[in-house]
Amino acid sequence: MNVQNIGSPQGRGYVEQVAFDRFEMGEILAVYGRYVAAGLWRDYGISCLRERAVFSIFRRAAENPLYRVEKIPALRQKQGLYALIGPEGQVLKRGASLRGGVLAPLERKLLRALD
């Protein structure tokens, strides 16, 4: 788990944020890069919040996200650390791993799109 401390612990403005680490970003960007190469996705956004980190995937920058990959440390023991959220806000997959678990539906969808 990667939690960043922003600000001074003695002063005001001290905020803990959840963030993706380098390994997690590598796994997400590997899938994202294949979709970009296929011409299906064009933009992404990253939000590091107090309770979760969110990687949002867009077809175009001016639209709502197609998918969101969320890292929620509070759900680590219950439902899994990661979640794949669809465009309507529905949870498509939850799990403890990215590559073999949460990102698997996206990889299968890409294979069908390229056929």
C-alpha atoms as a PDB file:
ATOM      1  CA  MET A   1       0.000   0.000   0.000  1.00  0.00           C
ATOM      2  CA  ASN A   2       1.309   3.407  -0.901  1.00  0.00           C
ATOM      3  CA  VAL A   3       0.096   6.243   1.342  1.00  0.00           C
ATOM      4  CA  GLN A   4       1.638   9.655   0.859  1.00  0.00           C
ATOM      5  CA  ASN A   5       1.799  12.306   3.555  1.00  0.00           C
ATOM      6  CA  ILE A   6       1.175  15.774   2.182  1.00  0.00           C
ATOM      7  CA  GLY A   7       2.093  18.768   4.319  1.00  0.00           C
ATOM      8  CA  SER A   8       3.725  19.030   7.700  1.00  0.00           C
ATOM      9  CA  PRO A   9       2.706  16.604  10.474  1.00  0.00           C
ATOM     10  CA  GLN A  10       3.008  19.398  13.060  1.00  0.00           C
ATOM     11  CA  GLY A  11       1.094  22.048  11.153  1.00  0.00           C
ATOM     12  CA  ARG A  12      -2.196  22.329   9.427  1.00  0.00           C
ATOM     13  CA  GLY A  13      -2.696  20.824   6.037  1.00  0.00           C
ATOM     14  CA  TYR A  14      -1.349  17.387   6.941  1.00  0.00           C
ATOM     15  CA  VAL A  15      -3.272  14.961   4.756  1.00  0.00           C
ATOM     16  CA  GLU A  16      -2.680  11.297   4.012  1.00  0.00           C
ATOM     17  CA  GLN A  17      -3.424  10.265   0.448  1.00  0.00           C
ATOM     18  CA  VAL A  18      -3.696   6.853  -1.132  1.00  0.00           C
ATOM     19  CA  ALA A  19      -1.648   6.471  -4.325  1.00  0.00           C
ATOM     20  CA  PHE A  20      -0.695   3.776  -6.814  1.00  0.00           C
ATOM     21  CA  ASP A  21       2.895   2.553  -6.537  1.00  0.00           C
ATOM     22  CA  ARG A  22       5.207   2.025  -9.512  1.00  0.00           C
ATOM     23  CA  PHE A  23       4.349  -1.668  -9.908  1.00  0.00           C
ATOM     24  CA  GLU A  24       0.597  -0.993  -9.879  1.00  0.00           C
ATOM     25  CA  MET A  25       0.946   1.834 -12.393  1.00  0.00           C
ATOM     26  CA  GLY A  26       3.009  -0.427 -14.643  1.00  0.00           C
ATOM     27  CA  GLU A  27       0.262  -3.056 -14.707  1.00  0.00           C
ATOM     28  CA  ILE A  28      -2.495  -0.522 -15.358  1.00  0.00           C
ATOM     29  CA  LEU A  29      -0.518   1.318 -18.039  1.00  0.00           C
ATOM     30  CA  ALA A  30       0.345  -1.946 -19.821  1.00  0.00           C
ATOM     31  CA  VAL A  31      -3.352  -2.629 -20.419  1.00  0.00           C
ATOM     32  CA  TYR A  32      -4.060   1.052 -21.119  1.00  0.00           C
ATOM     33  CA  GLY A  33      -1.237   1.200 -23.682  1.00  0.00           C
ATOM     34  CA  ARG A  34      -2.638  -1.738 -25.646  1.00  0.00           C
ATOM     35  CA  TYR A  35      -6.032  -0.018 -25.886  1.00  0.00           C
ATOM     36  CA  VAL A  36      -4.375   3.238 -26.995  1.00  0.00           C
ATOM     37  CA  ALA A  37      -2.406   1.355 -29.666  1.00  0.00           C
ATOM     38  CA  ALA A  38      -5.692  -0.157 -30.881  1.00  0.00           C
ATOM     39  CA  GLY A  39      -7.186   3.354 -31.100  1.00  0.00           C
ATOM     40  CA  LEU A  40      -9.935   2.694 -28.533  1.00  0.00           C
ATOM     41  CA  TRP A  41      -8.796   4.907 -25.653  1.00  0.00           C
ATOM     42  CA  ARG A  42      -7.180   8.331 -25.748  1.00  0.00           C
ATOM     43  CA  ASP A  43      -6.878   9.845 -22.281  1.00  0.00           C
ATOM     44  CA  TYR A  44      -6.624   9.043 -18.581  1.00  0.00           C
ATOM     45  CA  GLY A  45      -6.708  10.810 -15.246  1.00  0.00           C
ATOM     46  CA  ILE A  46      -5.308   9.937 -11.836  1.00  0.00           C
ATOM     47  CA  SER A  47      -6.821  11.071  -8.548  1.00  0.00           C
ATOM     48  CA  CYS A  48      -5.130  10.470  -5.203  1.00  0.00           C
ATOM     49  CA  LEU A  49      -7.685  10.992  -2.476  1.00  0.00           C
ATOM     50  CA  ARG A  50      -7.759  10.394   1.261  1.00  0.00           C
ATOM     51  CA  GLU A  51      -9.542   7.029   1.104  1.00  0.00           C
ATOM     52  CA  ARG A  52      -8.807   5.828  -2.436  1.00  0.00           C
ATOM     53  CA  ALA A  53      -6.692   6.247  -5.533  1.00  0.00           C
ATOM     54  CA  VAL A  54      -8.504   6.320  -8.886  1.00  0.00           C
ATOM     55  CA  PHE A  55      -7.193   5.729 -12.420  1.00  0.00           C
ATOM     56  CA  SER A  56      -9.918   6.963 -14.805  1.00  0.00           C
ATOM     57  CA  ILE A  57      -9.941   5.892 -18.469  1.00  0.00           C
ATOM     58  CA  PHE A  58     -11.523   8.051 -21.166  1.00  0.00           C
ATOM     59  CA  ARG A  59     -12.301   7.592 -24.847  1.00  0.00           C
ATOM     60  CA  ARG A  60     -12.000  11.380 -25.231  1.00  0.00           C
ATOM     61  CA  ALA A  61     -10.961  13.955 -22.657  1.00  0.00           C
ATOM     62  CA  ALA A  62     -14.333  15.731 -22.622  1.00  0.00           C
ATOM     63  CA  GLU A  63     -16.359  12.633 -21.706  1.00  0.00           C
ATOM     64  CA  ASN A  64     -17.173  10.728 -18.544  1.00  0.00           C
ATOM     65  CA  PRO A  65     -14.764   7.884 -17.807  1.00  0.00           C
ATOM     66  CA  LEU A  66     -15.348   4.553 -19.525  1.00  0.00           C
ATOM     67  CA  TYR A  67     -13.730   2.677 -16.648  1.00  0.00           C
ATOM     68  CA  ARG A  68     -12.152   3.447 -13.305  1.00  0.00           C
ATOM     69  CA  VAL A  69      -9.574   1.333 -11.528  1.00  0.00           C
ATOM     70  CA  GLU A  70      -9.787   2.110  -7.819  1.00  0.00           C
ATOM     71  CA  LYS A  71      -7.457   1.218  -4.986  1.00  0.00           C
ATOM     72  CA  ILE A  72      -9.317   1.241  -1.661  1.00  0.00           C
ATOM     73  CA  PRO A  73      -7.156   0.135   1.294  1.00  0.00           C
ATOM     74  CA  ALA A  74     -10.129  -0.003   3.685  1.00  0.00           C
ATOM     75  CA  LEU A  75     -11.598  -2.920   1.681  1.00  0.00           C
ATOM     76  CA  ARG A  76      -8.361  -4.928   1.558  1.00  0.00           C
ATOM     77  CA  GLN A  77      -9.525  -7.633   3.978  1.00  0.00           C
ATOM     78  CA  LYS A  78     -13.195  -7.676   2.970  1.00  0.00           C
ATOM     79  CA  GLN A  79     -13.574  -7.443  -0.810  1.00  0.00           C
ATOM     80  CA  GLY A  80     -10.076  -6.884  -2.130  1.00  0.00           C
ATOM     81  CA  LEU A  81      -7.834  -3.863  -2.500  1.00  0.00           C
ATOM     82  CA  TYR A  82      -8.752  -3.089  -6.136  1.00  0.00           C
ATOM     83  CA  ALA A  83     -12.013  -2.545  -8.025  1.00  0.00           C
ATOM     84  CA  LEU A  84     -12.899  -2.077 -11.701  1.00  0.00           C
ATOM     85  CA  ILE A  85     -15.846   0.315 -12.048  1.00  0.00           C
ATOM     86  CA  GLY A  86     -17.885   0.605 -15.263  1.00  0.00           C
ATOM     87  CA  PRO A  87     -19.288   3.734 -16.940  1.00  0.00           C
ATOM     88  CA  GLU A  88     -22.579   3.602 -15.011  1.00  0.00           C
ATOM     89  CA  GLY A  89     -20.793   3.209 -11.660  1.00  0.00           C
ATOM     90  CA  GLN A  90     -21.339  -0.549 -11.445  1.00  0.00           C
ATOM     91  CA  VAL A  91     -18.592  -2.660  -9.909  1.00  0.00           C
ATOM     92  CA  LEU A  92     -17.398  -5.008 -12.658  1.00  0.00           C
ATOM     93  CA  LYS A  93     -14.690  -6.817 -10.682  1.00  0.00           C
ATOM     94  CA  ARG A  94     -13.067  -6.706  -7.246  1.00  0.00           C
ATOM     95  CA  GLY A  95      -9.946  -8.452  -6.131  1.00  0.00           C
ATOM     96  CA  ALA A  96      -6.587  -8.491  -4.444  1.00  0.00           C
ATOM     97  CA  SER A  97      -4.500  -8.419  -7.645  1.00  0.00           C
ATOM     98  CA  LEU A  98      -4.551  -6.226 -10.716  1.00  0.00           C
ATOM     99  CA  ARG A  99      -3.143  -8.258 -13.611  1.00  0.00           C
ATOM    100  CA  GLY A 100      -4.774 -11.640 -13.117  1.00  0.00           C
ATOM    101  CA  GLY A 101      -7.841 -10.353 -11.351  1.00  0.00           C
ATOM    102  CA  VAL A 102      -9.308  -6.893 -11.679  1.00  0.00           C
ATOM    103  CA  LEU A 103      -7.875  -6.018 -15.112  1.00  0.00           C
ATOM    104  CA  ALA A 104      -8.771  -9.401 -16.665  1.00  0.00           C
ATOM    105  CA  PRO A 105     -12.180  -8.251 -18.023  1.00  0.00           C
ATOM    106  CA  LEU A 106     -10.467  -5.403 -19.878  1.00  0.00           C
ATOM    107  CA  GLU A 107      -7.903  -7.748 -21.395  1.00  0.00           C
ATOM    108  CA  ARG A 108     -10.636 -10.141 -22.574  1.00  0.00           C
ATOM    109  CA  LYS A 109     -12.614  -7.242 -24.056  1.00  0.00           C
ATOM    110  CA  LEU A 110      -9.550  -6.045 -25.966  1.00  0.00           C
ATOM    111  CA  LEU A 111      -9.018  -9.485 -27.467  1.00  0.00           C
ATOM    112  CA  ARG A 112     -12.629  -9.507 -28.696  1.00  0.00           C
ATOM    113  CA  ALA A 113     -12.291  -5.974 -30.100  1.00  0.00           C
ATOM    114  CA  LEU A 114      -9.203  -6.909 -32.118  1.00  0.00           C
ATOM    115  CA  ASP A 115     -10.757 -10.022 -33.673  1.00  0.00           C
END
